[in-house]
Protein backbone atom coordinates (compact mmCIF):
# COMPACT_ATOMS: atom_id res chain seq x y z
CA UNK A 1 0.00 0.00 0.00
CA UNK A 2 1.29 3.45 -0.90
CA UNK A 3 2.42 5.31 2.19
CA UNK A 4 0.76 8.70 2.81
CA UNK A 5 3.12 11.47 3.92
CA UNK A 6 2.40 13.79 6.83
CA UNK A 7 4.67 16.78 7.39
CA UNK A 8 5.64 18.01 10.87
CA UNK A 9 7.16 21.46 11.34
CA UNK A 10 8.17 22.94 14.70
CA UNK A 11 8.70 26.66 14.19
CA UNK A 12 9.89 29.68 16.16
CA UNK A 13 10.62 33.20 14.99
CA UNK A 14 10.69 32.56 11.24
CA UNK A 15 7.25 33.67 10.09
CA UNK A 16 8.16 34.73 6.54
CA UNK A 17 10.57 31.84 5.90
CA UNK A 18 7.98 29.33 7.11
CA UNK A 19 5.53 30.62 4.50
CA UNK A 20 8.17 30.07 1.79
CA UNK A 21 8.79 26.54 3.05
CA UNK A 22 5.08 25.77 2.96
CA UNK A 23 4.83 27.24 -0.53
CA UNK A 24 7.24 24.58 -1.79
CA UNK A 25 5.12 21.88 -0.14
CA UNK A 26 2.07 23.27 -1.93
CA UNK A 27 3.77 22.87 -5.33
CA UNK A 28 4.95 19.28 -4.85
CA UNK A 29 4.22 16.78 -7.62
CA UNK A 30 2.36 14.92 -4.86
CA UNK A 31 1.17 17.00 -1.95
CA UNK A 32 1.50 15.76 1.64
CA UNK A 33 -1.71 14.47 3.16
CA UNK A 34 -1.57 16.92 6.07
CA UNK A 35 0.93 19.50 7.31
CA UNK A 36 1.11 19.82 11.09
CA UNK A 37 2.67 23.04 12.37
CA UNK A 38 3.60 23.56 16.03
CA UNK A 39 4.48 27.24 16.54
CA UNK A 40 6.13 28.61 19.67
CA UNK A 41 3.67 31.52 19.55
CA UNK A 42 0.87 32.85 17.36
CA UNK A 43 3.28 35.43 15.94
CA UNK A 44 5.17 32.62 14.17
CA UNK A 45 2.34 32.14 11.66
CA UNK A 46 1.00 34.20 8.78
CA UNK A 47 -2.31 32.38 8.80
CA UNK A 48 -3.80 34.29 5.87
CA UNK A 49 -0.84 33.46 3.62
CA UNK A 50 -0.89 29.82 4.77
CA UNK A 51 -4.60 29.44 4.01
CA UNK A 52 -4.01 30.80 0.50
CA UNK A 53 -1.67 27.90 -0.27
CA UNK A 54 -4.50 25.37 -0.22
CA UNK A 55 -2.66 22.83 1.94
CA UNK A 56 -4.42 20.78 4.59
CA UNK A 57 -2.82 22.44 7.62
CA UNK A 58 -3.35 21.61 11.29
CA UNK A 59 -2.00 23.97 13.94
CA UNK A 60 -0.80 22.17 17.07
CA UNK A 61 -0.43 23.95 20.40
CA UNK A 62 2.74 23.32 22.33
CA UNK A 63 5.19 24.82 24.77
CA UNK A 64 8.36 26.21 23.20
CA UNK A 65 11.19 23.80 22.47
CA UNK A 66 11.87 21.77 19.35
CA UNK A 67 11.42 18.41 21.12
CA UNK A 68 8.24 19.53 22.87
CA UNK A 69 6.80 20.90 19.65
CA UNK A 70 7.65 17.82 17.61
CA UNK A 71 6.23 15.51 20.27
CA UNK A 72 3.00 17.48 20.32
CA UNK A 73 2.65 16.68 16.62
CA UNK A 74 3.49 13.00 17.13
CA UNK A 75 0.78 12.84 19.76
CA UNK A 76 -1.73 13.92 17.11
CA UNK A 77 -0.61 10.96 14.96
CA UNK A 78 -0.38 8.37 17.73
CA UNK A 79 -3.29 6.25 16.46
CA UNK A 80 -1.90 5.83 12.92
CA UNK A 81 -0.35 2.57 11.78
CA UNK A 82 0.19 3.57 8.17
CA UNK A 83 2.08 6.45 6.68
CA UNK A 84 5.25 8.45 7.12
CA UNK A 85 5.84 11.62 9.10
CA UNK A 86 8.43 13.98 7.62
CA UNK A 87 10.05 16.30 10.15
CA UNK A 88 11.18 19.46 8.39
CA UNK A 89 12.92 22.48 9.80
CA UNK A 90 10.92 25.60 9.07
CA UNK A 91 13.76 26.73 6.80
CA UNK A 92 14.27 23.55 4.75
CA UNK A 93 13.30 23.94 1.09
CA UNK A 94 12.27 20.64 -0.49
CA UNK A 95 12.74 19.78 -4.16
CA UNK A 96 9.49 19.42 -6.20
CA UNK A 97 9.41 15.61 -6.02
CA UNK A 98 10.46 15.19 -2.39
CA UNK A 99 7.09 14.00 -1.03
CA UNK A 100 6.46 11.63 -3.96
CA UNK A 101 9.95 10.13 -3.69
CA UNK A 102 9.62 9.79 0.08
CA UNK A 103 6.38 7.85 -0.23
CA UNK A 104 7.98 5.62 -2.88
CA UNK A 105 11.01 4.85 -0.68
CA UNK A 106 8.92 3.75 2.31
CA UNK A 107 6.43 1.86 0.15
CA UNK A 108 9.14 -0.10 -1.67
CA UNK A 109 10.97 -1.29 1.45
CA UNK A 110 8.95 -2.05 4.63
CA UNK A 111 12.22 -2.51 6.50
CA UNK A 112 13.07 1.20 6.34
CA UNK A 113 12.02 3.06 9.47
CA UNK A 114 13.88 6.36 9.02
CA UNK A 115 15.16 8.30 6.02
CA UNK A 116 16.93 11.57 5.37
CA UNK A 117 17.75 13.20 2.07
CA UNK A 118 20.64 14.91 0.35
CA UNK A 119 21.20 18.53 1.36
CA UNK A 120 22.58 20.34 -1.69
CA UNK A 121 23.49 23.40 0.37
CA UNK A 122 23.43 23.87 4.14
CA UNK A 123 23.49 27.40 5.49
CA UNK A 124 23.78 26.04 9.02
CA UNK A 125 27.55 25.69 8.54
CA UNK A 126 27.96 29.30 7.41
CA UNK A 127 26.20 32.65 7.55
CA UNK A 128 22.95 31.13 6.34
CA UNK A 129 21.27 31.36 2.96
CA UNK A 130 18.81 34.03 1.90
CA UNK A 131 15.43 32.96 0.55
CA UNK A 132 16.31 34.03 -3.05
CA UNK A 133 19.66 32.22 -2.89
CA UNK A 134 18.04 29.07 -1.53
CA UNK A 135 15.46 29.08 -4.33
CA UNK A 136 18.22 29.59 -6.89
CA UNK A 137 20.42 26.82 -5.51
CA UNK A 138 17.49 24.43 -5.35
CA UNK A 139 16.61 25.14 -8.98
CA UNK A 140 20.22 24.68 -10.08
CA UNK A 141 20.97 21.50 -8.13
CA UNK A 142 17.71 19.55 -8.24
CA UNK A 143 18.18 16.48 -10.41
CA UNK A 144 15.01 14.54 -11.14
CA UNK A 145 17.10 11.86 -12.86
CA UNK A 146 19.15 11.11 -9.74
CA UNK A 147 19.59 7.29 -9.51
CA UNK A 148 17.71 5.59 -6.66
CA UNK A 149 20.83 5.32 -4.50
CA UNK A 150 20.25 4.38 -0.88
CA UNK A 151 22.93 4.20 1.81
CA UNK A 152 22.86 3.35 5.53
CA UNK A 153 23.27 6.15 8.06
CA UNK A 154 23.92 6.30 11.81
CA UNK A 155 21.25 8.91 12.38
CA UNK A 156 18.87 11.15 10.47
CA UNK A 157 19.51 14.85 9.97
CA UNK A 158 16.77 16.65 11.86
CA UNK A 159 16.19 19.33 9.22
CA UNK A 160 14.72 16.65 6.92
CA UNK A 161 14.07 13.37 8.68
CA UNK A 162 11.17 11.03 7.90
CA UNK A 163 10.02 8.11 10.05
CA UNK A 164 7.54 5.29 9.58
CA UNK A 165 4.56 5.92 11.84
CA UNK A 166 3.99 2.25 12.63
CA UNK A 167 7.51 1.97 14.05
CA UNK A 168 7.17 5.18 16.06
CA UNK A 169 3.80 4.29 17.50
CA UNK A 170 4.60 0.64 18.25
CA UNK A 171 7.69 1.66 20.22
CA UNK A 172 6.26 4.95 21.59
CA UNK A 173 9.56 6.65 20.74
CA UNK A 174 9.48 10.40 21.30
CA UNK A 175 11.97 13.23 21.14
CA UNK A 176 13.77 13.66 24.45
CA UNK A 177 12.17 16.59 26.25
CA UNK A 178 15.16 16.73 28.60
CA UNK A 179 16.96 18.35 25.64
CA UNK A 180 15.49 21.86 25.87
CA UNK A 181 15.24 24.80 23.48
CA UNK A 182 16.91 23.98 20.16
CA UNK A 183 17.31 20.33 21.22
CA UNK A 184 20.95 19.88 20.24
CA UNK A 185 21.49 16.25 19.06
CA UNK A 186 17.82 15.32 19.45
CA UNK A 187 17.95 13.78 15.98
CA UNK A 188 20.77 11.44 17.02
CA UNK A 189 18.95 10.31 20.15
CA UNK A 190 15.65 9.77 18.31
CA UNK A 191 17.33 7.90 15.46
CA UNK A 192 19.28 5.54 17.67
CA UNK A 193 16.22 4.66 19.78
CA UNK A 194 14.37 3.83 16.57
CA UNK A 195 17.28 1.90 15.04
CA UNK A 196 16.21 -1.39 16.62
CA UNK A 197 13.01 -1.32 14.58
CA UNK A 198 14.56 -1.28 11.12
CA UNK A 199 16.92 0.42 8.69
CA UNK A 200 18.07 4.05 8.78
CA UNK A 201 18.92 5.32 5.30
CA UNK A 202 19.72 8.29 3.11
CA UNK A 203 18.06 8.43 -0.28
CA UNK A 204 19.68 10.50 -3.02
CA UNK A 205 16.28 11.05 -4.61
CA UNK A 206 15.24 13.10 -1.58
CA UNK A 207 16.76 16.50 -2.23
CA UNK A 208 16.62 19.93 -0.67
CA UNK A 209 18.38 23.06 0.60
CA UNK A 210 18.72 24.11 4.24
CA UNK A 211 18.79 27.87 4.76
CA UNK A 212 20.31 27.57 8.23
CA UNK A 213 18.60 30.80 9.24
CA UNK A 214 20.11 32.38 12.35
CA UNK A 215 16.74 33.75 13.44
CA UNK A 216 15.16 31.66 16.18
CA UNK A 217 18.46 29.97 17.09
CA UNK A 218 19.60 29.27 20.64
CA UNK A 219 21.96 32.07 21.86
CA UNK A 220 25.69 31.36 21.86
CA UNK A 221 26.32 30.60 25.53
CA UNK A 222 23.27 28.39 25.85
CA UNK A 223 24.15 26.46 22.72
CA UNK A 224 27.74 26.13 23.92
CA UNK A 225 26.48 24.61 27.16
CA UNK A 226 24.29 22.18 25.22
CA UNK A 227 27.26 21.19 23.04
CA UNK A 228 28.77 19.58 26.15
CA UNK A 229 25.77 18.70 28.31
CA UNK A 230 23.67 17.00 25.64
CA UNK A 231 26.31 14.48 24.46
CA UNK A 232 27.00 13.44 28.07
CA UNK A 233 23.25 13.00 28.54
CA UNK A 234 23.13 10.70 25.51
CA UNK A 235 26.09 8.71 26.86
CA UNK A 236 24.11 8.07 30.04
CA UNK A 237 21.12 6.99 27.95
CA UNK A 238 23.34 4.78 25.76
CA UNK A 239 22.00 6.38 22.59
CA UNK A 240 25.45 7.75 21.75
CA UNK A 241 28.69 5.89 22.26
CA UNK A 242 31.26 7.54 24.57
CA UNK A 243 33.79 7.69 21.75
CA UNK A 244 31.41 9.36 19.33
CA UNK A 245 30.14 11.78 21.98
CA UNK A 246 33.62 12.78 23.13
CA UNK A 247 34.74 13.32 19.55
CA UNK A 248 31.68 15.53 19.03
CA UNK A 249 32.43 17.56 22.17
CA UNK A 250 36.11 17.91 21.29
CA UNK A 251 35.29 19.03 17.77
CA UNK A 252 32.86 21.67 19.01
CA UNK A 253 35.20 23.07 21.65
CA UNK A 254 38.11 23.16 19.22
CA UNK A 255 36.03 24.94 16.59
CA UNK A 256 34.77 27.49 19.09
CA UNK A 257 38.28 28.13 20.42
CA UNK A 258 39.85 28.50 16.99
CA UNK A 259 37.07 30.58 15.49
CA UNK A 260 36.92 32.86 18.51
CA UNK A 261 40.29 34.23 17.39
CA UNK A 262 38.68 35.70 14.27
CA UNK A 263 34.95 35.76 15.05
CA UNK A 264 32.30 35.91 12.36
CA UNK A 265 29.30 38.21 12.82
CA UNK A 266 26.76 35.44 12.22
CA UNK A 267 28.01 33.01 14.89
CA UNK A 268 28.80 33.78 18.53
CA UNK A 269 31.75 31.41 18.87
CA UNK A 270 33.06 33.26 21.91
CA UNK A 271 29.70 32.87 23.60
CA UNK A 272 29.63 29.19 22.67
CA UNK A 273 33.13 28.73 24.10
CA UNK A 274 32.05 30.38 27.36
CA UNK A 275 29.07 28.02 27.47
CA UNK A 276 31.43 25.08 26.85
CA UNK A 277 33.56 26.14 29.83
CA UNK A 278 30.57 26.54 32.15
CA UNK A 279 29.38 23.05 31.18
CA UNK A 280 32.81 21.53 31.81
CA UNK A 281 32.90 23.14 35.25
CA UNK A 282 29.44 21.73 35.95
CA UNK A 283 30.67 18.32 34.79
CA UNK A 284 33.56 18.43 37.26
CA UNK A 285 31.18 19.47 40.04
CA UNK A 286 28.75 16.68 39.21
CA UNK A 287 25.86 18.96 38.28
CA UNK A 288 25.91 18.80 34.49
CA UNK A 289 22.54 18.28 32.82
CA UNK A 290 20.93 19.66 29.65
CA UNK A 291 18.12 21.45 31.48
CA UNK A 292 20.64 23.77 33.14
CA UNK A 293 20.42 26.00 30.07
CA UNK A 294 16.98 27.00 31.39
CA UNK A 295 18.13 27.78 34.93
CA UNK A 296 21.81 28.78 34.75
CA UNK A 297 22.63 32.45 34.19
CA UNK A 298 23.97 32.04 30.66
CA UNK A 299 22.85 35.39 29.29
CA UNK A 300 25.51 37.45 31.03
CA UNK A 301 29.29 37.16 31.12
CA UNK A 302 29.14 33.87 32.95
CA UNK A 303 32.90 33.46 33.27
CA UNK A 304 32.84 36.42 35.64
CA UNK A 305 30.05 34.93 37.69
CA UNK A 306 31.11 34.47 41.30
CA UNK A 307 29.76 30.94 41.61
CA UNK A 308 30.62 29.58 38.16
């Protein structure tokens, strides 16, 4: 049976970009069955523009936080045993055939439980892409004749990650709400908990562009704290191996240290480095946990804090 595709978008602070993202879903060769949107506030949505697109859209109420918002959508789909839910970042532009190809991938192989696509350009690793540039890159790189190449992956990439609803609902897997705000590494944790149910793959016929918009991102110090706290949390859960987690932490700290010497205006590497240091101190004191980003004073110059 052909697998219907539901789209899930958790959004915060990207009202205009979200409308562009939804516009590309409205022009798919096969439209998604329903698009679920979980905004952090009513200001995140241009409801008039969204209605004009003609998509079947359901607005889901949730507290702010990518894991909380995504779980609120999964709860609306908890009684489904057929279909695929595609988690998209609100700034991920899908190629025209993405939904059709996604349905085909999951229909052809019942053993696949999670799939991500090929990201032709990812603004998350740089200053971010403008909407016009993202449209241009997508038009230039989209290849409808791409061979049906599938390869195994360790985890999905959260900006475009699709999962089989039967596997999610049979195992009751949810995004870890102990990973607050931006949910750093929530895609790794979710993927590895689902890995026992089937194959995790990347399909080269699933194509798109990630703007990597800096609007709505977690501030530098808080993200820096999460870059240390979240991997240690996943080690304790056994959803990330110690070696992989420590390599991830080391890579992040090294990048923040090196790039702090010549900072870029679009990334607060110095703030991230300060957050890294606070997290390492908390680790040594035995009080490191991801939720500290909600309670620790990470908005000020925390290295000067008396009780760091």
